[in-house]
Each structure stands twice: as C-alpha cells, then as structure tokens.
C-alpha cells in the first residue's frame, strides 16, 4: 500500500500553478489544520497510522508546496522515520527546487522535482537522496522537445523520469480548464516523448513512466490529510478512516478484526466507506468504535 501525506502548510501555495489539480476539488481543500491546533494530537494520529499500516511508499506532497515551510517537512520526515518499517521509502515532491538543500534531501529516499518548463532544468542541483526524479508537467513549453534534449539540459541525470499530462477539472474550476485547453503540450510532442520513453526503458539506465492518471487514487494510494485522518482519494470530502491519536502500536489485519466483545468480524461487515482498500487489502477503521483494533 502507498500513502500520500498532505503537508499542513499555512496559506496559499506560492507557486500558484494554473493547472494544479489541488484547485480542482469541490471541497475546496477546507480541512481542519490539526497540526497548528494541536501538534501533539496531529503527530499522535500520524504515529498510529504509520505504525499500524503496511506501507511501501510514503509521498510527502501537499495542496501547497511542502517546501514553503521546510521546518514542517523536517518534522514530518523525522516522525515517518520513527514509525515506518525499514523497507518503506519516503519521497518528497516539490516545485521549489532551490530549497532542496543537502539537509532536506538526506531525510528522503527520493526527491521528485516537478518541472513545467524545460528552462527550469539547468538550475536544479543534484540532491543527496538515493533516487532523484524529474516530473515533467507537459505544458506547451515542452512543444518540440525530445527526451535527449531535456536530459542534456540538466546538471545531472536522474534515476527516474515521469511525464504527466495536463488534465481538466471537469468544470469544477472553469478558469483552470480553459488554461489547460490553451497550454497543453501538442500531440506530436507527446507522441515523440512517449516513444522516447519506451526506448529509454529498454536501455535500462533510466526508469521512465508515462502518467495520464496521476489524479486517480483508487487502488494506488490513500491520503493522510492535515486533519490527521485518512481519505480514499483527494476528491473525498469525508474521511475513509477517522484516526484516534493513541500511542499504542496497531496490529493491522486485512482479513479479520476484533470488536470490543472479542469476536472476530470480517471487514465486509463494516461500512465500506470506513475501510480503505488497496489492491484487495482492507485496512480497518482506526478508532475507538465497535470495530476498532
């Protein structure tokens, strides 16, 4: 199972990307900021979640760029290291490239640099993380480029590359939809880059992924929001699991859980909106309710 941590950033994103999917949700990202209301409760919930779930990859991201507040990112990364299993990996996603210092990068297994214009590539310095990824957001600034040209512009060659297509909000944000229509990368360039990606993958030196479903969370990851609860997707206004800030380590069980009387019950007996499924593995509600663990 993979999980995305929404960094509790104060205020609007300074990058103000006109295509950002964080601005394409009906709920308007209006969630409780438990981190600032009660930091102990926030990290208590985080501790319970990360000790109680079998997580492969944890991505630190946000509705605003995480590196607007580097100190918050440091706190979160330290907590993750305390709680996660040794085989888990932690990734930081950012567009504020010049704030990826050695101190920051050493706390993550992977750094993903979001890039929406090739002119940004030459200024990106190689961080100290084990894996570095260029995430190319395919605006019209990429028109006419091929993959080798993009690689030649960098100070270093990343281990991974992801190409992301601009997507519509389906009229949730009409201004954004219009911008996307006008500034999407042209189809000829997309086809050329997709072909380049296939050729590069055959060489085996760089892992290249073409992602046109990045906003779809189903069976890919779940979301830990700034209120300390878990959500199936970025779109959901209500949590899939309400987490109680308890310190005891949880023993997560996918097949059965135990109620207060000690009887085993199947996850299917729980309201499906109160469990979170990833590739067939059910994670029970993490709280002090009748089906708590």
C-alpha atoms as a PDB file:
ATOM      1  CA  UNK A   1       0.000   0.000   0.000  1.00  0.00           C
ATOM      2  CA  UNK A   2       1.163   3.541  -0.794  1.00  0.00           C
ATOM      3  CA  UNK A   3       0.211   6.703   1.068  1.00  0.00           C
ATOM      4  CA  UNK A   4       0.401  10.427   0.373  1.00  0.00           C
ATOM      5  CA  UNK A   5       0.921  12.878   3.234  1.00  0.00           C
ATOM      6  CA  UNK A   6      -0.655  16.300   2.676  1.00  0.00           C
ATOM      7  CA  UNK A   7       1.802  18.674   4.324  1.00  0.00           C
ATOM      8  CA  UNK A   8      -0.009  21.138   6.646  1.00  0.00           C
ATOM      9  CA  UNK A   9       1.128  24.385   5.024  1.00  0.00           C
ATOM     10  CA  UNK A  10      -0.221  27.717   6.245  1.00  0.00           C
ATOM     11  CA  UNK A  11      -1.769  29.840   3.482  1.00  0.00           C
ATOM     12  CA  UNK A  12      -1.965  29.504  -0.289  1.00  0.00           C
ATOM     13  CA  UNK A  13       0.686  27.881  -2.440  1.00  0.00           C
ATOM     14  CA  UNK A  14       3.301  30.417  -3.542  1.00  0.00           C
ATOM     15  CA  UNK A  15       3.784  28.622  -6.863  1.00  0.00           C
ATOM     16  CA  UNK A  16       0.152  29.180  -7.929  1.00  0.00           C
ATOM     17  CA  UNK A  17       0.396  26.732 -10.839  1.00  0.00           C
ATOM     18  CA  UNK A  18      -2.561  27.387 -13.179  1.00  0.00           C
ATOM     19  CA  UNK A  19      -3.002  23.647 -13.896  1.00  0.00           C
ATOM     20  CA  UNK A  20      -2.739  22.330 -10.316  1.00  0.00           C
ATOM     21  CA  UNK A  21      -5.261  19.578  -9.549  1.00  0.00           C
ATOM     22  CA  UNK A  22      -5.321  20.710  -5.914  1.00  0.00           C
ATOM     23  CA  UNK A  23      -7.523  23.556  -7.165  1.00  0.00           C
ATOM     24  CA  UNK A  24      -9.930  21.186  -8.897  1.00  0.00           C
ATOM     25  CA  UNK A  25     -11.833  19.707  -5.962  1.00  0.00           C
ATOM     26  CA  UNK A  26     -15.375  20.602  -4.947  1.00  0.00           C
ATOM     27  CA  UNK A  27     -14.430  20.564  -1.248  1.00  0.00           C
ATOM     28  CA  UNK A  28     -12.005  23.468  -1.823  1.00  0.00           C
ATOM     29  CA  UNK A  29      -9.366  21.870   0.455  1.00  0.00           C
ATOM     30  CA  UNK A  30     -11.165  23.192   3.532  1.00  0.00           C
ATOM     31  CA  UNK A  31      -9.975  20.724   6.148  1.00  0.00           C
ATOM     32  CA  UNK A  32      -9.107  21.150   9.803  1.00  0.00           C
ATOM     33  CA  UNK A  33      -5.458  22.098  10.378  1.00  0.00           C
ATOM     34  CA  UNK A  34      -4.811  19.845  13.352  1.00  0.00           C
ATOM     35  CA  UNK A  35      -1.061  20.423  13.086  1.00  0.00           C
ATOM     36  CA  UNK A  36      -1.468  24.051  14.172  1.00  0.00           C
ATOM     37  CA  UNK A  37      -4.379  23.477  16.525  1.00  0.00           C
ATOM     38  CA  UNK A  38      -2.788  20.611  18.436  1.00  0.00           C
ATOM     39  CA  UNK A  39       0.579  19.408  17.153  1.00  0.00           C
ATOM     40  CA  UNK A  40       0.770  16.572  19.687  1.00  0.00           C
ATOM     41  CA  UNK A  41      -2.607  15.220  18.543  1.00  0.00           C
ATOM     42  CA  UNK A  42      -1.563  15.512  14.882  1.00  0.00           C
ATOM     43  CA  UNK A  43       1.639  13.549  15.378  1.00  0.00           C
ATOM     44  CA  UNK A  44      -0.180  11.109  17.656  1.00  0.00           C
ATOM     45  CA  UNK A  45      -2.529  10.303  14.776  1.00  0.00           C
ATOM     46  CA  UNK A  46       0.378  10.057  12.345  1.00  0.00           C
ATOM     47  CA  UNK A  47       2.218   7.708  14.691  1.00  0.00           C
ATOM     48  CA  UNK A  48      -0.783   5.420  14.932  1.00  0.00           C
ATOM     49  CA  UNK A  49      -1.345   5.342  11.180  1.00  0.00           C
ATOM     50  CA  UNK A  50       2.244   4.647  10.223  1.00  0.00           C
ATOM     51  CA  UNK A  51       2.786   2.008  12.870  1.00  0.00           C
ATOM     52  CA  UNK A  52      -0.471   0.282  12.032  1.00  0.00           C
ATOM     53  CA  UNK A  53      -0.274   0.029   8.255  1.00  0.00           C
ATOM     54  CA  UNK A  54       1.932  -1.961   5.910  1.00  0.00           C
ATOM     55  CA  UNK A  55       3.175   0.877   3.693  1.00  0.00           C
ATOM     56  CA  UNK A  56       5.549   0.572   0.753  1.00  0.00           C
ATOM     57  CA  UNK A  57       5.947   4.183  -0.374  1.00  0.00           C
ATOM     58  CA  UNK A  58       5.114   7.362   1.530  1.00  0.00           C
ATOM     59  CA  UNK A  59       4.963  10.544  -0.566  1.00  0.00           C
ATOM     60  CA  UNK A  60       5.190  13.924   1.162  1.00  0.00           C
ATOM     61  CA  UNK A  61       3.246  16.342  -1.029  1.00  0.00           C
ATOM     62  CA  UNK A  62       0.507  18.921  -0.500  1.00  0.00           C
ATOM     63  CA  UNK A  63      -2.154  21.298  -1.725  1.00  0.00           C
ATOM     64  CA  UNK A  64       0.643  23.844  -1.340  1.00  0.00           C
ATOM     65  CA  UNK A  65       4.294  23.067  -1.997  1.00  0.00           C
ATOM     66  CA  UNK A  66       5.779  21.319   1.076  1.00  0.00           C
ATOM     67  CA  UNK A  67       8.975  23.362   0.912  1.00  0.00           C
ATOM     68  CA  UNK A  68       7.107  26.580   1.587  1.00  0.00           C
ATOM     69  CA  UNK A  69       7.746  25.509   5.182  1.00  0.00           C
ATOM     70  CA  UNK A  70      10.930  23.398   5.325  1.00  0.00           C
ATOM     71  CA  UNK A  71      10.757  23.070   9.111  1.00  0.00           C
ATOM     72  CA  UNK A  72       7.356  21.354   8.866  1.00  0.00           C
ATOM     73  CA  UNK A  73       8.779  18.970   6.262  1.00  0.00           C
ATOM     74  CA  UNK A  74      11.678  18.132   8.592  1.00  0.00           C
ATOM     75  CA  UNK A  75       9.307  17.380  11.469  1.00  0.00           C
ATOM     76  CA  UNK A  76       7.175  15.105   9.309  1.00  0.00           C
ATOM     77  CA  UNK A  77      10.145  13.242   7.844  1.00  0.00           C
ATOM     78  CA  UNK A  78      11.561  12.637  11.322  1.00  0.00           C
ATOM     79  CA  UNK A  79       8.241  11.241  12.530  1.00  0.00           C
ATOM     80  CA  UNK A  80       7.976   8.990   9.472  1.00  0.00           C
ATOM     81  CA  UNK A  81      11.426   7.577  10.100  1.00  0.00           C
ATOM     82  CA  UNK A  82      10.476   6.761  13.682  1.00  0.00           C
ATOM     83  CA  UNK A  83       7.321   4.902  12.651  1.00  0.00           C
ATOM     84  CA  UNK A  84       7.768   3.304   9.253  1.00  0.00           C
ATOM     85  CA  UNK A  85       9.118  -0.166   8.601  1.00  0.00           C
ATOM     86  CA  UNK A  86      12.734  -0.380   7.330  1.00  0.00           C
ATOM     87  CA  UNK A  87      11.665  -1.444   3.830  1.00  0.00           C
ATOM     88  CA  UNK A  88       9.385   1.596   3.325  1.00  0.00           C
ATOM     89  CA  UNK A  89      10.579   4.505   1.204  1.00  0.00           C
ATOM     90  CA  UNK A  90       9.853   8.210   1.689  1.00  0.00           C
ATOM     91  CA  UNK A  91       9.604  10.623  -1.230  1.00  0.00           C
ATOM     92  CA  UNK A  92       9.342  14.418  -1.293  1.00  0.00           C
ATOM     93  CA  UNK A  93       7.603  16.181  -4.188  1.00  0.00           C
ATOM     94  CA  UNK A  94       8.367  19.849  -4.810  1.00  0.00           C
ATOM     95  CA  UNK A  95       8.476  22.650  -7.370  1.00  0.00           C
ATOM     96  CA  UNK A  96      10.604  24.927  -5.161  1.00  0.00           C
ATOM     97  CA  UNK A  97      13.816  23.431  -6.478  1.00  0.00           C
ATOM     98  CA  UNK A  98      16.262  25.787  -4.774  1.00  0.00           C
ATOM     99  CA  UNK A  99      15.014  24.758  -1.316  1.00  0.00           C
ATOM    100  CA  UNK A 100      16.118  21.151  -1.776  1.00  0.00           C
ATOM    101  CA  UNK A 101      19.179  21.538   0.444  1.00  0.00           C
ATOM    102  CA  UNK A 102      21.519  18.720   1.467  1.00  0.00           C
ATOM    103  CA  UNK A 103      19.857  18.708   4.888  1.00  0.00           C
ATOM    104  CA  UNK A 104      16.419  18.231   3.331  1.00  0.00           C
ATOM    105  CA  UNK A 105      17.409  15.688   0.699  1.00  0.00           C
ATOM    106  CA  UNK A 106      19.269  13.481   3.188  1.00  0.00           C
ATOM    107  CA  UNK A 107      15.992  12.877   5.022  1.00  0.00           C
ATOM    108  CA  UNK A 108      14.305  11.305   1.975  1.00  0.00           C
ATOM    109  CA  UNK A 109      14.904   8.231  -0.132  1.00  0.00           C
ATOM    110  CA  UNK A 110      13.691  10.052  -3.241  1.00  0.00           C
ATOM    111  CA  UNK A 111      13.216  13.655  -4.357  1.00  0.00           C
ATOM    112  CA  UNK A 112      10.750  14.372  -7.167  1.00  0.00           C
ATOM    113  CA  UNK A 113      11.299  17.717  -8.921  1.00  0.00           C
ATOM    114  CA  UNK A 114       8.132  18.982 -10.639  1.00  0.00           C
ATOM    115  CA  UNK A 115       9.101  20.824 -13.830  1.00  0.00           C
ATOM    116  CA  UNK A 116       6.613  22.626 -16.087  1.00  0.00           C
ATOM    117  CA  UNK A 117       9.146  24.380 -18.336  1.00  0.00           C
ATOM    118  CA  UNK A 118      12.413  22.952 -19.728  1.00  0.00           C
ATOM    119  CA  UNK A 119      14.159  26.217 -18.833  1.00  0.00           C
ATOM    120  CA  UNK A 120      13.935  25.188 -15.168  1.00  0.00           C
ATOM    121  CA  UNK A 121      16.092  22.088 -15.675  1.00  0.00           C
ATOM    122  CA  UNK A 122      19.614  23.663 -15.763  1.00  0.00           C
ATOM    123  CA  UNK A 123      19.266  25.247 -12.314  1.00  0.00           C
ATOM    124  CA  UNK A 124      18.381  22.010 -10.487  1.00  0.00           C
ATOM    125  CA  UNK A 125      21.282  20.779  -8.376  1.00  0.00           C
ATOM    126  CA  UNK A 126      21.829  17.106  -7.647  1.00  0.00           C
ATOM    127  CA  UNK A 127      20.471  16.322  -4.158  1.00  0.00           C
ATOM    128  CA  UNK A 128      21.806  13.803  -1.644  1.00  0.00           C
ATOM    129  CA  UNK A 129      18.831  11.433  -1.875  1.00  0.00           C
ATOM    130  CA  UNK A 130      19.278   7.877  -3.198  1.00  0.00           C
ATOM    131  CA  UNK A 131      16.825   8.386  -6.071  1.00  0.00           C
ATOM    132  CA  UNK A 132      16.089  11.577  -7.977  1.00  0.00           C
ATOM    133  CA  UNK A 133      13.138  12.021 -10.302  1.00  0.00           C
ATOM    134  CA  UNK A 134      12.256  14.659 -12.854  1.00  0.00           C
ATOM    135  CA  UNK A 135       8.479  15.003 -13.145  1.00  0.00           C
ATOM    136  CA  UNK A 136       7.790  16.789 -16.420  1.00  0.00           C
ATOM    137  CA  UNK A 137       4.388  18.519 -16.354  1.00  0.00           C
ATOM    138  CA  UNK A 138       3.692  18.681 -20.087  1.00  0.00           C
ATOM    139  CA  UNK A 139       2.675  22.263 -20.786  1.00  0.00           C
ATOM    140  CA  UNK A 140       3.143  23.838 -24.199  1.00  0.00           C
ATOM    141  CA  UNK A 141       6.627  24.948 -23.068  1.00  0.00           C
ATOM    142  CA  UNK A 142       7.720  21.388 -23.954  1.00  0.00           C
ATOM    143  CA  UNK A 143       6.490  21.620 -27.547  1.00  0.00           C
ATOM    144  CA  UNK A 144       9.169  20.461 -29.996  1.00  0.00           C
ATOM    145  CA  UNK A 145      11.471  18.823 -27.439  1.00  0.00           C
ATOM    146  CA  UNK A 146      12.630  15.230 -27.335  1.00  0.00           C
ATOM    147  CA  UNK A 147      13.802  13.332 -24.248  1.00  0.00           C
ATOM    148  CA  UNK A 148      17.512  13.530 -25.007  1.00  0.00           C
ATOM    149  CA  UNK A 149      17.335  17.317 -25.331  1.00  0.00           C
ATOM    150  CA  UNK A 150      15.710  17.515 -21.905  1.00  0.00           C
ATOM    151  CA  UNK A 151      18.341  15.244 -20.349  1.00  0.00           C
ATOM    152  CA  UNK A 152      21.188  17.242 -21.898  1.00  0.00           C
ATOM    153  CA  UNK A 153      19.938  20.402 -20.172  1.00  0.00           C
ATOM    154  CA  UNK A 154      20.446  19.030 -16.656  1.00  0.00           C
ATOM    155  CA  UNK A 155      23.407  19.216 -14.283  1.00  0.00           C
ATOM    156  CA  UNK A 156      22.870  15.502 -13.601  1.00  0.00           C
ATOM    157  CA  UNK A 157      20.917  12.553 -14.970  1.00  0.00           C
ATOM    158  CA  UNK A 158      18.009  11.497 -12.766  1.00  0.00           C
ATOM    159  CA  UNK A 159      17.364   7.840 -11.978  1.00  0.00           C
ATOM    160  CA  UNK A 160      13.684   8.248 -12.847  1.00  0.00           C
ATOM    161  CA  UNK A 161      11.528  10.401 -15.108  1.00  0.00           C
ATOM    162  CA  UNK A 162       7.753  10.818 -15.117  1.00  0.00           C
ATOM    163  CA  UNK A 163       5.785  12.570 -17.858  1.00  0.00           C
ATOM    164  CA  UNK A 164       2.431  13.956 -16.685  1.00  0.00           C
ATOM    165  CA  UNK A 165      -0.353  15.162 -18.942  1.00  0.00           C
ATOM    166  CA  UNK A 166      -2.415  18.231 -18.029  1.00  0.00           C
ATOM    167  CA  UNK A 167      -5.984  17.252 -17.207  1.00  0.00           C
ATOM    168  CA  UNK A 168      -9.320  19.002 -16.964  1.00  0.00           C
ATOM    169  CA  UNK A 169     -11.169  19.543 -13.684  1.00  0.00           C
ATOM    170  CA  UNK A 170     -14.439  18.629 -15.440  1.00  0.00           C
ATOM    171  CA  UNK A 171     -15.822  22.167 -14.961  1.00  0.00           C
ATOM    172  CA  UNK A 172     -15.105  22.327 -11.218  1.00  0.00           C
ATOM    173  CA  UNK A 173     -12.588  25.075 -11.998  1.00  0.00           C
ATOM    174  CA  UNK A 174     -13.527  26.617 -15.350  1.00  0.00           C
ATOM    175  CA  UNK A 175     -10.646  29.102 -15.368  1.00  0.00           C
ATOM    176  CA  UNK A 176      -8.188  26.249 -14.893  1.00  0.00           C
ATOM    177  CA  UNK A 177      -9.868  24.158 -17.580  1.00  0.00           C
ATOM    178  CA  UNK A 178      -9.529  26.982 -20.078  1.00  0.00           C
ATOM    179  CA  UNK A 179      -5.828  27.393 -19.236  1.00  0.00           C
ATOM    180  CA  UNK A 180      -5.265  23.652 -19.720  1.00  0.00           C
ATOM    181  CA  UNK A 181      -7.023  23.738 -23.125  1.00  0.00           C
ATOM    182  CA  UNK A 182      -4.786  26.568 -24.272  1.00  0.00           C
ATOM    183  CA  UNK A 183      -1.480  25.343 -22.848  1.00  0.00           C
ATOM    184  CA  UNK A 184      -1.420  21.563 -23.147  1.00  0.00           C
ATOM    185  CA  UNK A 185       1.611  20.068 -24.860  1.00  0.00           C
ATOM    186  CA  UNK A 186       0.869  19.357 -28.535  1.00  0.00           C
ATOM    187  CA  UNK A 187       0.071  15.789 -29.590  1.00  0.00           C
ATOM    188  CA  UNK A 188       3.108  15.445 -31.863  1.00  0.00           C
ATOM    189  CA  UNK A 189       5.463  16.205 -28.963  1.00  0.00           C
ATOM    190  CA  UNK A 190       3.542  13.876 -26.661  1.00  0.00           C
ATOM    191  CA  UNK A 191       3.863  11.009 -29.144  1.00  0.00           C
ATOM    192  CA  UNK A 192       7.579  11.686 -29.640  1.00  0.00           C
ATOM    193  CA  UNK A 193       8.242  11.780 -25.878  1.00  0.00           C
ATOM    194  CA  UNK A 194       6.184   8.625 -25.342  1.00  0.00           C
ATOM    195  CA  UNK A 195       8.266   6.843 -27.978  1.00  0.00           C
ATOM    196  CA  UNK A 196      11.477   8.163 -26.407  1.00  0.00           C
ATOM    197  CA  UNK A 197      10.309   6.857 -23.020  1.00  0.00           C
ATOM    198  CA  UNK A 198       9.825   3.347 -24.418  1.00  0.00           C
ATOM    199  CA  UNK A 199      13.294   3.384 -25.990  1.00  0.00           C
ATOM    200  CA  UNK A 200      14.922   4.679 -22.784  1.00  0.00           C
ATOM    201  CA  UNK A 201      13.263   1.981 -20.702  1.00  0.00           C
ATOM    202  CA  UNK A 202      14.703  -0.687 -22.996  1.00  0.00           C
ATOM    203  CA  UNK A 203      18.198   0.660 -22.321  1.00  0.00           C
ATOM    204  CA  UNK A 204      17.616   0.076 -18.608  1.00  0.00           C
ATOM    205  CA  UNK A 205      19.620   3.047 -17.325  1.00  0.00           C
ATOM    206  CA  UNK A 206      16.707   5.375 -16.511  1.00  0.00           C
ATOM    207  CA  UNK A 207      13.207   4.367 -15.477  1.00  0.00           C
ATOM    208  CA  UNK A 208      10.690   6.444 -17.471  1.00  0.00           C
ATOM    209  CA  UNK A 209       6.957   6.458 -16.785  1.00  0.00           C
ATOM    210  CA  UNK A 210       4.099   7.988 -18.748  1.00  0.00           C
ATOM    211  CA  UNK A 211       1.368   9.070 -16.333  1.00  0.00           C
ATOM    212  CA  UNK A 212      -2.009  10.294 -17.572  1.00  0.00           C
ATOM    213  CA  UNK A 213      -3.939   9.137 -14.471  1.00  0.00           C
ATOM    214  CA  UNK A 214      -1.933  10.764 -11.666  1.00  0.00           C
ATOM    215  CA  UNK A 215      -5.069  12.260 -10.089  1.00  0.00           C
ATOM    216  CA  UNK A 216      -6.781   8.871  -9.703  1.00  0.00           C
ATOM    217  CA  UNK A 217      -6.030   7.397  -6.281  1.00  0.00           C
ATOM    218  CA  UNK A 218      -8.144   4.229  -6.453  1.00  0.00           C
ATOM    219  CA  UNK A 219      -6.022   1.135  -5.766  1.00  0.00           C
ATOM    220  CA  UNK A 220      -2.855   3.248  -5.964  1.00  0.00           C
ATOM    221  CA  UNK A 221      -2.612   5.171  -2.700  1.00  0.00           C
ATOM    222  CA  UNK A 222      -4.565   6.661   0.168  1.00  0.00           C
ATOM    223  CA  UNK A 223      -4.295  10.181   1.572  1.00  0.00           C
ATOM    224  CA  UNK A 224      -3.324  11.383   5.071  1.00  0.00           C
ATOM    225  CA  UNK A 225      -4.666  14.923   5.374  1.00  0.00           C
ATOM    226  CA  UNK A 226      -3.786  17.782   7.683  1.00  0.00           C
ATOM    227  CA  UNK A 227      -6.680  16.834   9.971  1.00  0.00           C
ATOM    228  CA  UNK A 228      -4.879  13.574  10.761  1.00  0.00           C
ATOM    229  CA  UNK A 229      -7.467  11.323   9.087  1.00  0.00           C
ATOM    230  CA  UNK A 230      -7.260   9.008   6.086  1.00  0.00           C
ATOM    231  CA  UNK A 231      -9.084   9.550   2.779  1.00  0.00           C
ATOM    232  CA  UNK A 232      -9.620   7.221  -0.165  1.00  0.00           C
ATOM    233  CA  UNK A 233      -8.883   9.976  -2.708  1.00  0.00           C
ATOM    234  CA  UNK A 234      -8.027  13.660  -2.986  1.00  0.00           C
ATOM    235  CA  UNK A 235     -11.629  14.324  -4.004  1.00  0.00           C
ATOM    236  CA  UNK A 236     -13.300  12.867  -0.920  1.00  0.00           C
ATOM    237  CA  UNK A 237     -14.773  15.483   1.454  1.00  0.00           C
ATOM    238  CA  UNK A 238     -15.165  12.914   4.250  1.00  0.00           C
ATOM    239  CA  UNK A 239     -12.517  10.570   5.656  1.00  0.00           C
ATOM    240  CA  UNK A 240     -12.467   6.857   4.928  1.00  0.00           C
ATOM    241  CA  UNK A 241     -10.977   6.310   8.376  1.00  0.00           C
ATOM    242  CA  UNK A 242     -11.098   8.582  11.421  1.00  0.00           C
ATOM    243  CA  UNK A 243      -7.892   8.087  13.376  1.00  0.00           C
ATOM    244  CA  UNK A 244      -7.748   8.332  17.170  1.00  0.00           C
ATOM    245  CA  UNK A 245      -4.462   9.806  18.460  1.00  0.00           C
ATOM    246  CA  UNK A 246      -3.446   6.792  20.533  1.00  0.00           C
ATOM    247  CA  UNK A 247       0.161   5.836  21.163  1.00  0.00           C
ATOM    248  CA  UNK A 248      -0.200   2.041  21.207  1.00  0.00           C
ATOM    249  CA  UNK A 249       1.110   0.260  18.138  1.00  0.00           C
ATOM    250  CA  UNK A 250      -1.665  -1.193  15.989  1.00  0.00           C
ATOM    251  CA  UNK A 251      -1.632  -4.701  14.578  1.00  0.00           C
ATOM    252  CA  UNK A 252      -3.269  -4.183  11.198  1.00  0.00           C
ATOM    253  CA  UNK A 253      -5.118  -7.232   9.906  1.00  0.00           C
ATOM    254  CA  UNK A 254      -6.540  -7.417   6.404  1.00  0.00           C
ATOM    255  CA  UNK A 255      -8.767 -10.470   6.768  1.00  0.00           C
ATOM    256  CA  UNK A 256     -10.429 -10.085  10.190  1.00  0.00           C
ATOM    257  CA  UNK A 257     -10.553  -7.603  13.064  1.00  0.00           C
ATOM    258  CA  UNK A 258     -11.873  -7.863  16.600  1.00  0.00           C
ATOM    259  CA  UNK A 259     -14.693  -5.919  18.210  1.00  0.00           C
ATOM    260  CA  UNK A 260     -14.952  -4.969  21.891  1.00  0.00           C
ATOM    261  CA  UNK A 261     -16.509  -8.295  22.868  1.00  0.00           C
ATOM    262  CA  UNK A 262     -13.540 -10.170  21.432  1.00  0.00           C
ATOM    263  CA  UNK A 263     -15.404 -11.673  18.483  1.00  0.00           C
ATOM    264  CA  UNK A 264     -13.791 -11.661  15.043  1.00  0.00           C
ATOM    265  CA  UNK A 265     -15.657  -9.890  12.268  1.00  0.00           C
ATOM    266  CA  UNK A 266     -14.910  -9.531   8.579  1.00  0.00           C
ATOM    267  CA  UNK A 267     -14.097  -6.106   7.067  1.00  0.00           C
ATOM    268  CA  UNK A 268     -17.113  -6.573   4.779  1.00  0.00           C
ATOM    269  CA  UNK A 269     -19.322  -6.232   7.862  1.00  0.00           C
ATOM    270  CA  UNK A 270     -18.065  -2.669   8.299  1.00  0.00           C
ATOM    271  CA  UNK A 271     -19.449   0.236   6.327  1.00  0.00           C
ATOM    272  CA  UNK A 272     -17.291   0.137   3.158  1.00  0.00           C
ATOM    273  CA  UNK A 273     -16.716   3.860   3.483  1.00  0.00           C
ATOM    274  CA  UNK A 274     -14.985   3.129   6.780  1.00  0.00           C
ATOM    275  CA  UNK A 275     -12.324   0.888   5.318  1.00  0.00           C
ATOM    276  CA  UNK A 276      -9.613   1.661   2.836  1.00  0.00           C
ATOM    277  CA  UNK A 277      -8.737  -0.849   0.144  1.00  0.00           C
ATOM    278  CA  UNK A 278      -5.618  -1.074  -1.962  1.00  0.00           C
ATOM    279  CA  UNK A 279      -5.175  -3.965  -4.365  1.00  0.00           C
ATOM    280  CA  UNK A 280      -7.603  -6.048  -2.376  1.00  0.00           C
ATOM    281  CA  UNK A 281      -6.175  -5.443   1.102  1.00  0.00           C
ATOM    282  CA  UNK A 282      -8.672  -3.937   3.526  1.00  0.00           C
ATOM    283  CA  UNK A 283      -7.433  -1.688   6.285  1.00  0.00           C
ATOM    284  CA  UNK A 284      -9.926  -1.347   9.151  1.00  0.00           C
ATOM    285  CA  UNK A 285     -11.180   1.828  10.745  1.00  0.00           C
ATOM    286  CA  UNK A 286      -8.551   3.146  13.141  1.00  0.00           C
ATOM    287  CA  UNK A 287     -10.588   4.366  16.071  1.00  0.00           C
ATOM    288  CA  UNK A 288     -12.274   3.645  19.353  1.00  0.00           C
ATOM    289  CA  UNK A 289     -15.507   2.344  17.862  1.00  0.00           C
ATOM    290  CA  UNK A 290     -17.234  -1.007  17.839  1.00  0.00           C
ATOM    291  CA  UNK A 291     -14.885  -2.363  15.218  1.00  0.00           C
ATOM    292  CA  UNK A 292     -11.688  -0.792  16.489  1.00  0.00           C
ATOM    293  CA  UNK A 293      -8.377  -2.593  16.850  1.00  0.00           C
END
